[in-house]
Amino acid sequence: LYKVTKGADGQWGTPVNMGKSVNTEGNEMFPFADTDNKLYFASNGHAGLGGLDIFQTDLNTLATVENLGFPINSRKDDFGMITDST
């Protein structure tokens, strides 16, 4: 996964790889960022319950990636998560 910043002039910057704490040798996909700067994404490269699982990290630090566990994740493929702050 990559992130990109939109400048005050409305122009998009250069995409930046989110690094090894997020990206693995597996597949990271279906990202969603909420208004609290949390990034949710599916991965089969991080330790999980089976297949693709949903993970969360803080976009400000990208320091730790958390598996959201059961009941969000199952032994099957879990593809994505969208949240609403309300």
PDB file of N, CA and C in Angstrom:
ATOM      1  N   LEU A   1       0.834  -1.171   0.000  1.00  0.00           N
ATOM      2  CA  LEU A   1       0.000   0.000   0.000  1.00  0.00           C
ATOM      3  C   LEU A   1       0.883   1.240   0.000  1.00  0.00           C
ATOM      4  N   TYR A   2       0.362   2.288  -0.617  1.00  0.00           N
ATOM      5  CA  TYR A   2       1.058   3.560  -0.712  1.00  0.00           C
ATOM      6  C   TYR A   2       0.136   4.657  -0.204  1.00  0.00           C
ATOM      7  N   LYS A   3       0.734   5.787   0.204  1.00  0.00           N
ATOM      8  CA  LYS A   3      -0.068   6.949   0.562  1.00  0.00           C
ATOM      9  C   LYS A   3       0.435   8.137  -0.238  1.00  0.00           C
ATOM     10  N   VAL A   4      -0.466   9.088  -0.421  1.00  0.00           N
ATOM     11  CA  VAL A   4      -0.121  10.287  -1.163  1.00  0.00           C
ATOM     12  C   VAL A   4      -0.828  11.466  -0.495  1.00  0.00           C
ATOM     13  N   THR A   5      -0.189  12.621  -0.508  1.00  0.00           N
ATOM     14  CA  THR A   5      -0.733  13.810   0.137  1.00  0.00           C
ATOM     15  C   THR A   5      -1.200  14.787  -0.935  1.00  0.00           C
ATOM     16  N   LYS A   6      -2.357  15.390  -0.683  1.00  0.00           N
ATOM     17  CA  LYS A   6      -2.872  16.424  -1.568  1.00  0.00           C
ATOM     18  C   LYS A   6      -2.473  17.774  -0.988  1.00  0.00           C
ATOM     19  N   GLY A   7      -1.748  18.552  -1.780  1.00  0.00           N
ATOM     20  CA  GLY A   7      -1.245  19.840  -1.319  1.00  0.00           C
ATOM     21  C   GLY A   7      -2.327  20.908  -1.269  1.00  0.00           C
ATOM     22  N   ALA A   8      -2.001  22.039  -0.654  1.00  0.00           N
ATOM     23  CA  ALA A   8      -2.921  23.169  -0.554  1.00  0.00           C
ATOM     24  C   ALA A   8      -3.314  23.686  -1.934  1.00  0.00           C
ATOM     25  N   ASP A   9      -2.464  23.452  -2.921  1.00  0.00           N
ATOM     26  CA  ASP A   9      -2.741  23.891  -4.289  1.00  0.00           C
ATOM     27  C   ASP A   9      -3.656  22.926  -5.037  1.00  0.00           C
ATOM     28  N   GLY A  10      -4.065  21.835  -4.355  1.00  0.00           N
ATOM     29  CA  GLY A  10      -4.950  20.855  -4.972  1.00  0.00           C
ATOM     30  C   GLY A  10      -4.239  19.785  -5.778  1.00  0.00           C
ATOM     31  N   GLN A  11      -2.918  19.862  -5.830  1.00  0.00           N
ATOM     32  CA  GLN A  11      -2.139  18.889  -6.589  1.00  0.00           C
ATOM     33  C   GLN A  11      -1.734  17.724  -5.688  1.00  0.00           C
ATOM     34  N   TRP A  12      -1.723  16.522  -6.273  1.00  0.00           N
ATOM     35  CA  TRP A  12      -1.314  15.331  -5.539  1.00  0.00           C
ATOM     36  C   TRP A  12       0.197  15.220  -5.549  1.00  0.00           C
ATOM     37  N   GLY A  13       0.773  14.800  -4.423  1.00  0.00           N
ATOM     38  CA  GLY A  13       2.211  14.598  -4.309  1.00  0.00           C
ATOM     39  C   GLY A  13       2.617  13.248  -4.873  1.00  0.00           C
ATOM     40  N   THR A  14       3.828  12.842  -4.562  1.00  0.00           N
ATOM     41  CA  THR A  14       4.380  11.575  -5.021  1.00  0.00           C
ATOM     42  C   THR A  14       3.947  10.451  -4.081  1.00  0.00           C
ATOM     43  N   PRO A  15       3.451   9.330  -4.614  1.00  0.00           N
ATOM     44  CA  PRO A  15       3.086   8.197  -3.757  1.00  0.00           C
ATOM     45  C   PRO A  15       4.293   7.686  -2.971  1.00  0.00           C
ATOM     46  N   VAL A  16       4.042   7.338  -1.699  1.00  0.00           N
ATOM     47  CA  VAL A  16       5.088   6.849  -0.804  1.00  0.00           C
ATOM     48  C   VAL A  16       4.669   5.484  -0.256  1.00  0.00           C
ATOM     49  N   ASN A  17       5.555   4.508  -0.359  1.00  0.00           N
ATOM     50  CA  ASN A  17       5.304   3.180   0.182  1.00  0.00           C
ATOM     51  C   ASN A  17       5.105   3.291   1.691  1.00  0.00           C
ATOM     52  N   MET A  18       4.086   2.610   2.238  1.00  0.00           N
ATOM     53  CA  MET A  18       3.770   2.712   3.659  1.00  0.00           C
ATOM     54  C   MET A  18       4.708   1.899   4.541  1.00  0.00           C
ATOM     55  N   GLY A  19       5.644   1.202   3.965  1.00  0.00           N
ATOM     56  CA  GLY A  19       6.697   0.557   4.738  1.00  0.00           C
ATOM     57  C   GLY A  19       6.398  -0.857   5.186  1.00  0.00           C
ATOM     58  N   LYS A  20       7.394  -1.448   5.840  1.00  0.00           N
ATOM     59  CA  LYS A  20       7.346  -2.863   6.206  1.00  0.00           C
ATOM     60  C   LYS A  20       6.378  -3.173   7.341  1.00  0.00           C
ATOM     61  N   SER A  21       6.008  -2.182   8.145  1.00  0.00           N
ATOM     62  CA  SER A  21       5.031  -2.472   9.201  1.00  0.00           C
ATOM     63  C   SER A  21       3.656  -2.750   8.602  1.00  0.00           C
ATOM     64  N   VAL A  22       3.364  -2.179   7.441  1.00  0.00           N
ATOM     65  CA  VAL A  22       2.080  -2.385   6.751  1.00  0.00           C
ATOM     66  C   VAL A  22       2.229  -3.424   5.649  1.00  0.00           C
ATOM     67  N   ASN A  23       3.178  -3.224   4.762  1.00  0.00           N
ATOM     68  CA  ASN A  23       3.342  -4.088   3.593  1.00  0.00           C
ATOM     69  C   ASN A  23       4.172  -5.327   3.918  1.00  0.00           C
ATOM     70  N   THR A  24       3.737  -6.457   3.382  1.00  0.00           N
ATOM     71  CA  THR A  24       4.425  -7.729   3.579  1.00  0.00           C
ATOM     72  C   THR A  24       4.749  -8.322   2.218  1.00  0.00           C
ATOM     73  N   GLU A  25       5.280  -9.522   2.209  1.00  0.00           N
ATOM     74  CA  GLU A  25       5.491 -10.234   0.953  1.00  0.00           C
ATOM     75  C   GLU A  25       4.177 -10.795   0.427  1.00  0.00           C
ATOM     76  N   GLY A  26       3.127 -10.752   1.243  1.00  0.00           N
ATOM     77  CA  GLY A  26       1.789 -11.183   0.828  1.00  0.00           C
ATOM     78  C   GLY A  26       1.077 -10.060   0.094  1.00  0.00           C
ATOM     79  N   ASN A  27      -0.238 -10.099   0.149  1.00  0.00           N
ATOM     80  CA  ASN A  27      -1.058  -9.098  -0.528  1.00  0.00           C
ATOM     81  C   ASN A  27      -1.779  -8.230   0.488  1.00  0.00           C
ATOM     82  N   GLU A  28      -1.603  -6.914   0.352  1.00  0.00           N
ATOM     83  CA  GLU A  28      -2.364  -5.942   1.129  1.00  0.00           C
ATOM     84  C   GLU A  28      -3.286  -5.233   0.149  1.00  0.00           C
ATOM     85  N   MET A  29      -4.569  -5.166   0.492  1.00  0.00           N
ATOM     86  CA  MET A  29      -5.533  -4.620  -0.463  1.00  0.00           C
ATOM     87  C   MET A  29      -6.755  -4.053   0.241  1.00  0.00           C
ATOM     88  N   PHE A  30      -7.620  -3.420  -0.517  1.00  0.00           N
ATOM     89  CA  PHE A  30      -8.897  -2.860  -0.071  1.00  0.00           C
ATOM     90  C   PHE A  30      -8.734  -1.883   1.089  1.00  0.00           C
ATOM     91  N   PRO A  31      -7.848  -0.873   0.966  1.00  0.00           N
ATOM     92  CA  PRO A  31      -7.642   0.070   2.065  1.00  0.00           C
ATOM     93  C   PRO A  31      -8.817   1.030   2.230  1.00  0.00           C
ATOM     94  N   PHE A  32      -9.049   1.432   3.473  1.00  0.00           N
ATOM     95  CA  PHE A  32     -10.031   2.460   3.806  1.00  0.00           C
ATOM     96  C   PHE A  32      -9.487   3.270   4.973  1.00  0.00           C
ATOM     97  N   ALA A  33      -9.434   4.597   4.824  1.00  0.00           N
ATOM     98  CA  ALA A  33      -9.001   5.489   5.904  1.00  0.00           C
ATOM     99  C   ALA A  33     -10.214   6.233   6.441  1.00  0.00           C
ATOM    100  N   ASP A  34     -10.362   6.254   7.771  1.00  0.00           N
ATOM    101  CA  ASP A  34     -11.509   6.955   8.356  1.00  0.00           C
ATOM    102  C   ASP A  34     -11.105   8.345   8.832  1.00  0.00           C
ATOM    103  N   THR A  35     -12.056   9.076   9.384  1.00  0.00           N
ATOM    104  CA  THR A  35     -11.814  10.457   9.815  1.00  0.00           C
ATOM    105  C   THR A  35     -10.951  10.535  11.069  1.00  0.00           C
ATOM    106  N   ASP A  36     -10.715   9.405  11.742  1.00  0.00           N
ATOM    107  CA  ASP A  36      -9.843   9.362  12.919  1.00  0.00           C
ATOM    108  C   ASP A  36      -8.424   8.941  12.555  1.00  0.00           C
ATOM    109  N   ASN A  37      -8.090   8.995  11.266  1.00  0.00           N
ATOM    110  CA  ASN A  37      -6.764   8.613  10.751  1.00  0.00           C
ATOM    111  C   ASN A  37      -6.413   7.163  11.021  1.00  0.00           C
ATOM    112  N   LYS A  38      -7.410   6.302  11.035  1.00  0.00           N
ATOM    113  CA  LYS A  38      -7.184   4.869  11.120  1.00  0.00           C
ATOM    114  C   LYS A  38      -7.269   4.295   9.716  1.00  0.00           C
ATOM    115  N   LEU A  39      -6.320   3.450   9.378  1.00  0.00           N
ATOM    116  CA  LEU A  39      -6.309   2.765   8.092  1.00  0.00           C
ATOM    117  C   LEU A  39      -6.725   1.327   8.325  1.00  0.00           C
ATOM    118  N   TYR A  40      -7.740   0.882   7.600  1.00  0.00           N
ATOM    119  CA  TYR A  40      -8.189  -0.506   7.619  1.00  0.00           C
ATOM    120  C   TYR A  40      -7.822  -1.114   6.279  1.00  0.00           C
ATOM    121  N   PHE A  41      -7.325  -2.342   6.282  1.00  0.00           N
ATOM    122  CA  PHE A  41      -6.969  -3.002   5.028  1.00  0.00           C
ATOM    123  C   PHE A  41      -6.998  -4.507   5.223  1.00  0.00           C
ATOM    124  N   ALA A  42      -7.119  -5.223   4.118  1.00  0.00           N
ATOM    125  CA  ALA A  42      -7.075  -6.684   4.136  1.00  0.00           C
ATOM    126  C   ALA A  42      -5.664  -7.125   3.780  1.00  0.00           C
ATOM    127  N   SER A  43      -5.236  -8.228   4.401  1.00  0.00           N
ATOM    128  CA  SER A  43      -3.906  -8.771   4.110  1.00  0.00           C
ATOM    129  C   SER A  43      -3.897 -10.271   4.341  1.00  0.00           C
ATOM    130  N   ASN A  44      -3.125 -10.953   3.516  1.00  0.00           N
ATOM    131  CA  ASN A  44      -2.857 -12.365   3.785  1.00  0.00           C
ATOM    132  C   ASN A  44      -1.388 -12.569   4.142  1.00  0.00           C
ATOM    133  N   GLY A  45      -0.673 -11.470   4.388  1.00  0.00           N
ATOM    134  CA  GLY A  45       0.737 -11.544   4.739  1.00  0.00           C
ATOM    135  C   GLY A  45       1.018 -11.377   6.220  1.00  0.00           C
ATOM    136  N   HIS A  46       0.096 -10.755   6.943  1.00  0.00           N
ATOM    137  CA  HIS A  46       0.212 -10.628   8.396  1.00  0.00           C
ATOM    138  C   HIS A  46      -0.449 -11.849   9.033  1.00  0.00           C
ATOM    139  N   ALA A  47      -0.046 -12.185  10.251  1.00  0.00           N
ATOM    140  CA  ALA A  47      -0.640 -13.330  10.956  1.00  0.00           C
ATOM    141  C   ALA A  47      -2.130 -13.091  11.165  1.00  0.00           C
ATOM    142  N   GLY A  48      -2.939 -14.111  10.820  1.00  0.00           N
ATOM    143  CA  GLY A  48      -4.380 -13.957  10.924  1.00  0.00           C
ATOM    144  C   GLY A  48      -5.088 -15.264  11.179  1.00  0.00           C
ATOM    145  N   LEU A  49      -6.419 -15.198  11.044  1.00  0.00           N
ATOM    146  CA  LEU A  49      -7.260 -16.365  11.307  1.00  0.00           C
ATOM    147  C   LEU A  49      -7.381 -17.280  10.104  1.00  0.00           C
ATOM    148  N   GLY A  50      -7.070 -16.768   8.919  1.00  0.00           N
ATOM    149  CA  GLY A  50      -7.148 -17.580   7.707  1.00  0.00           C
ATOM    150  C   GLY A  50      -7.436 -16.725   6.489  1.00  0.00           C
ATOM    151  N   GLY A  51      -6.772 -16.995   5.401  1.00  0.00           N
ATOM    152  CA  GLY A  51      -6.986 -16.217   4.179  1.00  0.00           C
ATOM    153  C   GLY A  51      -6.675 -14.750   4.423  1.00  0.00           C
ATOM    154  N   LEU A  52      -7.498 -13.878   3.826  1.00  0.00           N
ATOM    155  CA  LEU A  52      -7.372 -12.443   4.076  1.00  0.00           C
ATOM    156  C   LEU A  52      -8.048 -12.102   5.398  1.00  0.00           C
ATOM    157  N   ASP A  53      -7.395 -11.300   6.214  1.00  0.00           N
ATOM    158  CA  ASP A  53      -7.987 -10.773   7.433  1.00  0.00           C
ATOM    159  C   ASP A  53      -7.952  -9.252   7.366  1.00  0.00           C
ATOM    160  N   ILE A  54      -8.769  -8.604   8.203  1.00  0.00           N
ATOM    161  CA  ILE A  54      -8.818  -7.145   8.282  1.00  0.00           C
ATOM    162  C   ILE A  54      -7.872  -6.683   9.388  1.00  0.00           C
ATOM    163  N   PHE A  55      -7.066  -5.679   9.060  1.00  0.00           N
ATOM    164  CA  PHE A  55      -6.101  -5.104   9.985  1.00  0.00           C
ATOM    165  C   PHE A  55      -6.323  -3.607  10.094  1.00  0.00           C
ATOM    166  N   GLN A  56      -5.778  -3.035  11.161  1.00  0.00           N
ATOM    167  CA  GLN A  56      -5.904  -1.600  11.404  1.00  0.00           C
ATOM    168  C   GLN A  56      -4.555  -1.049  11.833  1.00  0.00           C
ATOM    169  N   THR A  57      -4.253   0.173  11.396  1.00  0.00           N
ATOM    170  CA  THR A  57      -3.069   0.890  11.860  1.00  0.00           C
ATOM    171  C   THR A  57      -3.393   2.370  11.925  1.00  0.00           C
ATOM    172  N   ASP A  58      -2.627   3.105  12.693  1.00  0.00           N
ATOM    173  CA  ASP A  58      -2.789   4.554  12.800  1.00  0.00           C
ATOM    174  C   ASP A  58      -1.983   5.203  11.677  1.00  0.00           C
ATOM    175  N   LEU A  59      -2.636   5.994  10.846  1.00  0.00           N
ATOM    176  CA  LEU A  59      -1.953   6.622   9.718  1.00  0.00           C
ATOM    177  C   LEU A  59      -0.891   7.630  10.148  1.00  0.00           C
ATOM    178  N   ASN A  60      -0.993   8.147  11.376  1.00  0.00           N
ATOM    179  CA  ASN A  60      -0.006   9.117  11.852  1.00  0.00           C
ATOM    180  C   ASN A  60       1.338   8.462  12.162  1.00  0.00           C
ATOM    181  N   THR A  61       1.306   7.197  12.585  1.00  0.00           N
ATOM    182  CA  THR A  61       2.552   6.560  13.011  1.00  0.00           C
ATOM    183  C   THR A  61       2.923   5.328  12.199  1.00  0.00           C
ATOM    184  N   LEU A  62       1.928   4.569  11.736  1.00  0.00           N
ATOM    185  CA  LEU A  62       2.144   3.303  11.032  1.00  0.00           C
ATOM    186  C   LEU A  62       3.015   2.357  11.852  1.00  0.00           C
ATOM    187  N   ALA A  63       3.073   2.565  13.167  1.00  0.00           N
ATOM    188  CA  ALA A  63       3.983   1.815  14.022  1.00  0.00           C
ATOM    189  C   ALA A  63       3.554   0.370  14.234  1.00  0.00           C
ATOM    190  N   THR A  64       2.288   0.152  14.495  1.00  0.00           N
ATOM    191  CA  THR A  64       1.817  -1.205  14.755  1.00  0.00           C
ATOM    192  C   THR A  64       0.610  -1.502  13.884  1.00  0.00           C
ATOM    193  N   VAL A  65       0.512  -2.749  13.480  1.00  0.00           N
ATOM    194  CA  VAL A  65      -0.630  -3.231  12.710  1.00  0.00           C
ATOM    195  C   VAL A  65      -1.371  -4.220  13.590  1.00  0.00           C
ATOM    196  N   GLU A  66      -2.663  -3.988  13.767  1.00  0.00           N
ATOM    197  CA  GLU A  66      -3.477  -4.814  14.653  1.00  0.00           C
ATOM    198  C   GLU A  66      -4.471  -5.650  13.852  1.00  0.00           C
ATOM    199  N   ASN A  67      -4.470  -6.954  14.089  1.00  0.00           N
ATOM    200  CA  ASN A  67      -5.497  -7.825  13.517  1.00  0.00           C
ATOM    201  C   ASN A  67      -6.764  -7.587  14.322  1.00  0.00           C
ATOM    202  N   LEU A  68      -7.879  -7.300  13.667  1.00  0.00           N
ATOM    203  CA  LEU A  68      -9.117  -6.985  14.371  1.00  0.00           C
ATOM    204  C   LEU A  68      -9.805  -8.213  14.952  1.00  0.00           C
ATOM    205  N   GLY A  69      -9.289  -9.395  14.665  1.00  0.00           N
ATOM    206  CA  GLY A  69      -9.775 -10.607  15.319  1.00  0.00           C
ATOM    207  C   GLY A  69     -11.228 -10.938  15.049  1.00  0.00           C
ATOM    208  N   PHE A  70     -11.717 -11.948  15.772  1.00  0.00           N
ATOM    209  CA  PHE A  70     -13.105 -12.384  15.680  1.00  0.00           C
ATOM    210  C   PHE A  70     -13.976 -11.406  16.454  1.00  0.00           C
ATOM    211  N   PRO A  71     -15.130 -10.978  16.036  1.00  0.00           N
ATOM    212  CA  PRO A  71     -15.932 -11.484  14.927  1.00  0.00           C
ATOM    213  C   PRO A  71     -15.723 -10.742  13.603  1.00  0.00           C
ATOM    214  N   ILE A  72     -14.808  -9.744  13.566  1.00  0.00           N
ATOM    215  CA  ILE A  72     -14.549  -9.038  12.302  1.00  0.00           C
ATOM    216  C   ILE A  72     -13.938 -10.004  11.295  1.00  0.00           C
ATOM    217  N   ASN A  73     -12.981 -10.804  11.743  1.00  0.00           N
ATOM    218  CA  ASN A  73     -12.299 -11.760  10.877  1.00  0.00           C
ATOM    219  C   ASN A  73     -12.813 -13.178  11.117  1.00  0.00           C
ATOM    220  N   SER A  74     -12.663 -13.988  10.077  1.00  0.00           N
ATOM    221  CA  SER A  74     -13.102 -15.380  10.142  1.00  0.00           C
ATOM    222  C   SER A  74     -12.015 -16.266   9.540  1.00  0.00           C
ATOM    223  N   ARG A  75     -12.287 -17.547   9.430  1.00  0.00           N
ATOM    224  CA  ARG A  75     -11.330 -18.464   8.798  1.00  0.00           C
ATOM    225  C   ARG A  75     -11.348 -18.339   7.279  1.00  0.00           C
ATOM    226  N   LYS A  76     -12.306 -17.619   6.742  1.00  0.00           N
ATOM    227  CA  LYS A  76     -12.420 -17.379   5.294  1.00  0.00           C
ATOM    228  C   LYS A  76     -11.757 -16.042   4.955  1.00  0.00           C
ATOM    229  N   ASP A  77     -11.876 -15.601   3.694  1.00  0.00           N
ATOM    230  CA  ASP A  77     -11.344 -14.305   3.282  1.00  0.00           C
ATOM    231  C   ASP A  77     -12.269 -13.189   3.755  1.00  0.00           C
ATOM    232  N   ASP A  78     -11.692 -12.216   4.422  1.00  0.00           N
ATOM    233  CA  ASP A  78     -12.414 -11.020   4.874  1.00  0.00           C
ATOM    234  C   ASP A  78     -11.804  -9.847   4.113  1.00  0.00           C
ATOM    235  N   PHE A  79     -12.621  -9.181   3.305  1.00  0.00           N
ATOM    236  CA  PHE A  79     -12.099  -8.277   2.294  1.00  0.00           C
ATOM    237  C   PHE A  79     -11.949  -6.821   2.710  1.00  0.00           C
ATOM    238  N   GLY A  80     -12.835  -6.272   3.466  1.00  0.00           N
ATOM    239  CA  GLY A  80     -12.721  -4.859   3.735  1.00  0.00           C
ATOM    240  C   GLY A  80     -13.613  -4.407   4.869  1.00  0.00           C
ATOM    241  N   MET A  81     -13.337  -3.180   5.326  1.00  0.00           N
ATOM    242  CA  MET A  81     -14.114  -2.602   6.407  1.00  0.00           C
ATOM    243  C   MET A  81     -14.244  -1.121   6.157  1.00  0.00           C
ATOM    244  N   ILE A  82     -15.437  -0.605   6.325  1.00  0.00           N
ATOM    245  CA  ILE A  82     -15.689   0.828   6.212  1.00  0.00           C
ATOM    246  C   ILE A  82     -16.342   1.263   7.509  1.00  0.00           C
ATOM    247  N   THR A  83     -15.855   2.350   8.091  1.00  0.00           N
ATOM    248  CA  THR A  83     -16.411   2.853   9.343  1.00  0.00           C
ATOM    249  C   THR A  83     -17.023   4.230   9.116  1.00  0.00           C
ATOM    250  N   ASP A  84     -17.822   4.648  10.085  1.00  0.00           N
ATOM    251  CA  ASP A  84     -18.461   5.959  10.068  1.00  0.00           C
ATOM    252  C   ASP A  84     -18.342   6.517  11.482  1.00  0.00           C
ATOM    253  N   SER A  85     -17.760   7.682  11.623  1.00  0.00           N
ATOM    254  CA  SER A  85     -17.505   8.229  12.962  1.00  0.00           C
ATOM    255  C   SER A  85     -18.772   8.511  13.755  1.00  0.00           C
ATOM    256  N   THR A  86     -19.925   8.507  13.082  1.00  0.00           N
ATOM    257  CA  THR A  86     -21.159   8.745  13.823  1.00  0.00           C
ATOM    258  C   THR A  86     -21.761   7.422  14.248  1.00  0.00           C
TER     259      THR A  86
END
